[in-house]
PDB file of N, CA and C in Angstrom:
ATOM      1  N   MET A   1     109.424  77.731 101.238  1.00  0.00           N
ATOM      2  CA  MET A   1     108.230  78.342 101.772  1.00  0.00           C
ATOM      3  C   MET A   1     107.921  77.791 103.157  1.00  0.00           C
ATOM      4  N   SER A   2     108.345  76.594 103.447  1.00  0.00           N
ATOM      5  CA  SER A   2     108.108  75.993 104.746  1.00  0.00           C
ATOM      6  C   SER A   2     108.723  76.838 105.857  1.00  0.00           C
ATOM      7  N   ASP A   3     109.893  77.410 105.600  1.00  0.00           N
ATOM      8  CA  ASP A   3     110.528  78.276 106.590  1.00  0.00           C
ATOM      9  C   ASP A   3     109.670  79.498 106.868  1.00  0.00           C
ATOM     10  N   ALA A   4     109.103  80.083 105.825  1.00  0.00           N
ATOM     11  CA  ALA A   4     108.242  81.254 105.996  1.00  0.00           C
ATOM     12  C   ALA A   4     107.009  80.875 106.799  1.00  0.00           C
ATOM     13  N   ARG A   5     106.434  79.736 106.496  1.00  0.00           N
ATOM     14  CA  ARG A   5     105.241  79.267 107.222  1.00  0.00           C
ATOM     15  C   ARG A   5     105.595  78.995 108.676  1.00  0.00           C
ATOM     16  N   ASP A   6     106.717  78.325 108.915  1.00  0.00           N
ATOM     17  CA  ASP A   6     107.140  78.031 110.282  1.00  0.00           C
ATOM     18  C   ASP A   6     107.362  79.315 111.071  1.00  0.00           C
ATOM     19  N   ASN A   7     107.997  80.294 110.426  1.00  0.00           N
ATOM     20  CA  ASN A   7     108.240  81.580 111.076  1.00  0.00           C
ATOM     21  C   ASN A   7     106.922  82.246 111.441  1.00  0.00           C
ATOM     22  N   LEU A   8     105.978  82.264 110.515  1.00  0.00           N
ATOM     23  CA  LEU A   8     104.674  82.858 110.799  1.00  0.00           C
ATOM     24  C   LEU A   8     103.963  82.104 111.921  1.00  0.00           C
ATOM     25  N   ASP A   9     104.012  80.788 111.896  1.00  0.00           N
ATOM     26  CA  ASP A   9     103.371  79.993 112.942  1.00  0.00           C
ATOM     27  C   ASP A   9     103.968  80.309 114.319  1.00  0.00           C
ATOM     28  N   GLN A  10     105.283  80.467 114.380  1.00  0.00           N
ATOM     29  CA  GLN A  10     105.940  80.802 115.644  1.00  0.00           C
ATOM     30  C   GLN A  10     105.521  82.188 116.122  1.00  0.00           C
ATOM     31  N   ARG A  11     105.467  83.139 115.204  1.00  0.00           N
ATOM     32  CA  ARG A  11     105.057  84.503 115.572  1.00  0.00           C
ATOM     33  C   ARG A  11     103.598  84.545 116.003  1.00  0.00           C
ATOM     34  N   ILE A  12     102.753  83.760 115.350  1.00  0.00           N
ATOM     35  CA  ILE A  12     101.344  83.690 115.728  1.00  0.00           C
ATOM     36  C   ILE A  12     101.212  83.108 117.134  1.00  0.00           C
ATOM     37  N   ALA A  13     101.921  82.027 117.407  1.00  0.00           N
ATOM     38  CA  ALA A  13     101.861  81.398 118.732  1.00  0.00           C
ATOM     39  C   ALA A  13     102.354  82.363 119.815  1.00  0.00           C
ATOM     40  N   LEU A  14     103.433  83.061 119.553  1.00  0.00           N
ATOM     41  CA  LEU A  14     103.968  84.017 120.516  1.00  0.00           C
ATOM     42  C   LEU A  14     102.978  85.152 120.755  1.00  0.00           C
ATOM     43  N   THR A  15     102.385  85.663 119.702  1.00  0.00           N
ATOM     44  CA  THR A  15     101.422  86.752 119.847  1.00  0.00           C
ATOM     45  C   THR A  15     100.211  86.292 120.637  1.00  0.00           C
ATOM     46  N   ARG A  16      99.744  85.086 120.374  1.00  0.00           N
ATOM     47  CA  ARG A  16      98.611  84.547 121.138  1.00  0.00           C
ATOM     48  C   ARG A  16      98.966  84.401 122.620  1.00  0.00           C
ATOM     49  N   ARG A  17     100.184  83.952 122.907  1.00  0.00           N
ATOM     50  CA  ARG A  17     100.615  83.849 124.314  1.00  0.00           C
ATOM     51  C   ARG A  17     100.671  85.230 124.957  1.00  0.00           C
ATOM     52  N   ASN A  18     101.180  86.210 124.216  1.00  0.00           N
ATOM     53  CA  ASN A  18     101.252  87.570 124.747  1.00  0.00           C
ATOM     54  C   ASN A  18      99.854  88.121 125.046  1.00  0.00           C
ATOM     55  N   ILE A  19      98.911  87.838 124.169  1.00  0.00           N
ATOM     56  CA  ILE A  19      97.538  88.291 124.391  1.00  0.00           C
ATOM     57  C   ILE A  19      96.968  87.628 125.642  1.00  0.00           C
ATOM     58  N   ALA A  20      97.192  86.333 125.785  1.00  0.00           N
ATOM     59  CA  ALA A  20      96.693  85.625 126.968  1.00  0.00           C
ATOM     60  C   ALA A  20      97.317  86.183 128.248  1.00  0.00           C
ATOM     61  N   ASP A  21      98.626  86.409 128.237  1.00  0.00           N
ATOM     62  CA  ASP A  21      99.308  86.955 129.410  1.00  0.00           C
ATOM     63  C   ASP A  21      98.785  88.345 129.752  1.00  0.00           C
ATOM     64  N   LEU A  22      98.619  89.173 128.738  1.00  0.00           N
ATOM     65  CA  LEU A  22      98.150  90.532 128.960  1.00  0.00           C
ATOM     66  C   LEU A  22      96.705  90.541 129.443  1.00  0.00           C
ATOM     67  N   THR A  23      95.905  89.611 128.961  1.00  0.00           N
ATOM     68  CA  THR A  23      94.522  89.503 129.420  1.00  0.00           C
ATOM     69  C   THR A  23      94.487  89.166 130.909  1.00  0.00           C
ATOM     70  N   GLU A  24      95.368  88.272 131.331  1.00  0.00           N
ATOM     71  CA  GLU A  24      95.465  87.936 132.757  1.00  0.00           C
ATOM     72  C   GLU A  24      95.879  89.154 133.568  1.00  0.00           C
ATOM     73  N   GLN A  25      96.840  89.917 133.074  1.00  0.00           N
ATOM     74  CA  GLN A  25      97.282  91.124 133.764  1.00  0.00           C
ATOM     75  C   GLN A  25      96.142  92.130 133.864  1.00  0.00           C
ATOM     76  N   ALA A  26      95.378  92.265 132.789  1.00  0.00           N
ATOM     77  CA  ALA A  26      94.272  93.223 132.773  1.00  0.00           C
ATOM     78  C   ALA A  26      93.212  92.829 133.795  1.00  0.00           C
ATOM     79  N   ALA A  27      92.978  91.531 133.932  1.00  0.00           N
ATOM     80  CA  ALA A  27      91.982  91.067 134.887  1.00  0.00           C
ATOM     81  C   ALA A  27      92.402  91.378 136.322  1.00  0.00           C
ATOM     82  N   ALA A  28      93.689  91.390 136.570  1.00  0.00           N
ATOM     83  CA  ALA A  28      94.198  91.637 137.912  1.00  0.00           C
ATOM     84  C   ALA A  28      94.508  93.114 138.167  1.00  0.00           C
ATOM     85  N   ALA A  29      94.468  93.933 137.133  1.00  0.00           N
ATOM     86  CA  ALA A  29      94.879  95.331 137.261  1.00  0.00           C
ATOM     87  C   ALA A  29      93.803  96.165 137.947  1.00  0.00           C
ATOM     88  N   ALA A  30      94.283  97.169 138.630  1.00  0.00           N
ATOM     89  CA  ALA A  30      93.378  98.134 139.248  1.00  0.00           C
ATOM     90  C   ALA A  30      93.800  99.523 138.793  1.00  0.00           C
ATOM     91  N   GLY A  31      92.839 100.349 138.529  1.00  0.00           N
ATOM     92  CA  GLY A  31      93.145 101.719 138.124  1.00  0.00           C
ATOM     93  C   GLY A  31      92.880 101.942 136.656  1.00  0.00           C
ATOM     94  N   ALA A  32      92.223 103.031 136.370  1.00  0.00           N
ATOM     95  CA  ALA A  32      91.811 103.331 134.999  1.00  0.00           C
ATOM     96  C   ALA A  32      93.000 103.483 134.057  1.00  0.00           C
ATOM     97  N   ALA A  33      94.063 104.125 134.504  1.00  0.00           N
ATOM     98  CA  ALA A  33      95.220 104.351 133.636  1.00  0.00           C
ATOM     99  C   ALA A  33      95.877 103.028 133.252  1.00  0.00           C
ATOM    100  N   VAL A  34      96.006 102.127 134.203  1.00  0.00           N
ATOM    101  CA  VAL A  34      96.612 100.824 133.935  1.00  0.00           C
ATOM    102  C   VAL A  34      95.726 100.039 132.982  1.00  0.00           C
ATOM    103  N   GLU A  35      94.428 100.038 133.248  1.00  0.00           N
ATOM    104  CA  GLU A  35      93.499  99.310 132.397  1.00  0.00           C
ATOM    105  C   GLU A  35      93.506  99.862 130.973  1.00  0.00           C
ATOM    106  N   GLU A  36      93.566 101.186 130.847  1.00  0.00           N
ATOM    107  CA  GLU A  36      93.596 101.800 129.516  1.00  0.00           C
ATOM    108  C   GLU A  36      94.871 101.435 128.768  1.00  0.00           C
ATOM    109  N   SER A  37      95.987 101.426 129.464  1.00  0.00           N
ATOM    110  CA  SER A  37      97.259 101.052 128.858  1.00  0.00           C
ATOM    111  C   SER A  37      97.237  99.600 128.394  1.00  0.00           C
ATOM    112  N   LEU A  38      96.724  98.713 129.235  1.00  0.00           N
ATOM    113  CA  LEU A  38      96.642  97.302 128.873  1.00  0.00           C
ATOM    114  C   LEU A  38      95.673  97.091 127.711  1.00  0.00           C
ATOM    115  N   ALA A  39      94.558  97.806 127.709  1.00  0.00           N
ATOM    116  CA  ALA A  39      93.591  97.687 126.617  1.00  0.00           C
ATOM    117  C   ALA A  39      94.217  98.141 125.305  1.00  0.00           C
ATOM    118  N   SER A  40      94.999  99.197 125.363  1.00  0.00           N
ATOM    119  CA  SER A  40      95.678  99.696 124.165  1.00  0.00           C
ATOM    120  C   SER A  40      96.667  98.663 123.643  1.00  0.00           C
ATOM    121  N   ARG A  41      97.430  98.057 124.530  1.00  0.00           N
ATOM    122  CA  ARG A  41      98.402  97.039 124.127  1.00  0.00           C
ATOM    123  C   ARG A  41      97.691  95.803 123.576  1.00  0.00           C
ATOM    124  N   LEU A  42      96.575  95.421 124.179  1.00  0.00           N
ATOM    125  CA  LEU A  42      95.797  94.296 123.665  1.00  0.00           C
ATOM    126  C   LEU A  42      95.306  94.579 122.249  1.00  0.00           C
ATOM    127  N   ASP A  43      94.854  95.800 122.000  1.00  0.00           N
ATOM    128  CA  ASP A  43      94.415  96.173 120.653  1.00  0.00           C
ATOM    129  C   ASP A  43      95.563  96.042 119.651  1.00  0.00           C
ATOM    130  N   GLN A  44      96.749  96.497 120.051  1.00  0.00           N
ATOM    131  CA  GLN A  44      97.924  96.404 119.175  1.00  0.00           C
ATOM    132  C   GLN A  44      98.260  94.948 118.872  1.00  0.00           C
ATOM    133  N   LEU A  45      98.231  94.119 119.899  1.00  0.00           N
ATOM    134  CA  LEU A  45      98.551  92.700 119.710  1.00  0.00           C
ATOM    135  C   LEU A  45      97.508  92.011 118.836  1.00  0.00           C
ATOM    136  N   GLN A  46      96.243  92.369 119.006  1.00  0.00           N
ATOM    137  CA  GLN A  46      95.200  91.764 118.183  1.00  0.00           C
ATOM    138  C   GLN A  46      95.371  92.156 116.716  1.00  0.00           C
ATOM    139  N   GLU A  47      95.742  93.420 116.468  1.00  0.00           N
ATOM    140  CA  GLU A  47      96.008  93.857 115.096  1.00  0.00           C
ATOM    141  C   GLU A  47      97.179  93.083 114.499  1.00  0.00           C
ATOM    142  N   LEU A  48      98.233  92.882 115.292  1.00  0.00           N
ATOM    143  CA  LEU A  48      99.384  92.113 114.839  1.00  0.00           C
ATOM    144  C   LEU A  48      98.972  90.683 114.520  1.00  0.00           C
ATOM    145  N   LEU A  49      98.193  90.073 115.417  1.00  0.00           N
ATOM    146  CA  LEU A  49      97.740  88.704 115.191  1.00  0.00           C
ATOM    147  C   LEU A  49      96.918  88.614 113.909  1.00  0.00           C
ATOM    148  N   ASN A  50      96.016  89.541 113.711  1.00  0.00           N
ATOM    149  CA  ASN A  50      95.201  89.539 112.492  1.00  0.00           C
ATOM    150  C   ASN A  50      96.077  89.638 111.250  1.00  0.00           C
ATOM    151  N   ASP A  51      97.081  90.496 111.292  1.00  0.00           N
ATOM    152  CA  ASP A  51      98.000  90.657 110.162  1.00  0.00           C
ATOM    153  C   ASP A  51      98.771  89.362 109.898  1.00  0.00           C
ATOM    154  N   LEU A  52      99.276  88.748 110.951  1.00  0.00           N
ATOM    155  CA  LEU A  52     100.026  87.500 110.791  1.00  0.00           C
ATOM    156  C   LEU A  52      99.153  86.391 110.231  1.00  0.00           C
ATOM    157  N   LEU A  53      97.921  86.306 110.708  1.00  0.00           N
ATOM    158  CA  LEU A  53      97.007  85.283 110.196  1.00  0.00           C
ATOM    159  C   LEU A  53      96.700  85.517 108.718  1.00  0.00           C
ATOM    160  N   GLN A  54      96.546  86.762 108.322  1.00  0.00           N
ATOM    161  CA  GLN A  54      96.302  87.076 106.913  1.00  0.00           C
ATOM    162  C   GLN A  54      97.513  86.708 106.061  1.00  0.00           C
ATOM    163  N   ARG A  55      98.700  86.983 106.575  1.00  0.00           N
ATOM    164  CA  ARG A  55      99.923  86.620 105.837  1.00  0.00           C
ATOM    165  C   ARG A  55     100.026  85.110 105.645  1.00  0.00           C
ATOM    166  N   ARG A  56      99.718  84.371 106.714  1.00  0.00           N
ATOM    167  CA  ARG A  56      99.787  82.913 106.620  1.00  0.00           C
ATOM    168  C   ARG A  56      98.758  82.395 105.618  1.00  0.00           C
ATOM    169  N   GLU A  57      97.566  82.963 105.649  1.00  0.00           N
ATOM    170  CA  GLU A  57      96.527  82.555 104.712  1.00  0.00           C
ATOM    171  C   GLU A  57      96.954  82.837 103.274  1.00  0.00           C
ATOM    172  N   ALA A  58      97.556  83.986 103.044  1.00  0.00           N
ATOM    173  CA  ALA A  58      98.029  84.335 101.700  1.00  0.00           C
ATOM    174  C   ALA A  58      99.126  83.376 101.257  1.00  0.00           C
ATOM    175  N   LEU A  59      99.996  83.006 102.174  1.00  0.00           N
ATOM    176  CA  LEU A  59     101.066  82.068 101.869  1.00  0.00           C
ATOM    177  C   LEU A  59     100.487  80.705 101.501  1.00  0.00           C
ATOM    178  N   GLU A  60      99.469  80.281 102.206  1.00  0.00           N
ATOM    179  CA  GLU A  60      98.824  78.998 101.912  1.00  0.00           C
ATOM    180  C   GLU A  60      98.133  79.024 100.552  1.00  0.00           C
ATOM    181  N   ARG A  61      97.504  80.151 100.224  1.00  0.00           N
ATOM    182  CA  ARG A  61      96.836  80.272  98.919  1.00  0.00           C
ATOM    183  C   ARG A  61      97.852  80.238  97.789  1.00  0.00           C
ATOM    184  N   LYS A  62      99.027  80.775  98.049  1.00  0.00           N
ATOM    185  CA  LYS A  62     100.067  80.839  97.036  1.00  0.00           C
ATOM    186  C   LYS A  62     100.547  79.439  96.664  1.00  0.00           C
ATOM    187  N   GLY A  63     100.562  78.548  97.648  1.00  0.00           N
ATOM    188  CA  GLY A  63     100.965  77.166  97.389  1.00  0.00           C
ATOM    189  C   GLY A  63     102.461  77.009  97.379  1.00  0.00           C
ATOM    190  N   PRO A  64     102.931  75.809  97.073  1.00  0.00           N
ATOM    191  CA  PRO A  64     104.368  75.525  97.050  1.00  0.00           C
ATOM    192  C   PRO A  64     105.071  76.329  95.960  1.00  0.00           C
ATOM    193  N   ALA A  65     106.286  76.696  96.280  1.00  0.00           N
ATOM    194  CA  ALA A  65     107.079  77.484  95.324  1.00  0.00           C
ATOM    195  C   ALA A  65     107.645  76.605  94.232  1.00  0.00           C
TER     196      ALA A  65
END
């Protein structure tokens, strides 16, 4: 189970970095179309992060195998 937890932790960290990078891009972006595209991608990444966090929480509740 440690491998599954480690994998989830890595994916969570990567998703958080992607959100931070995209937030920086959005702050520097000009133009409604670009901003809308970045906002859409941020929403997708946030949904992914929420899903990964829920999976990790479920794994923790399950306990050691």
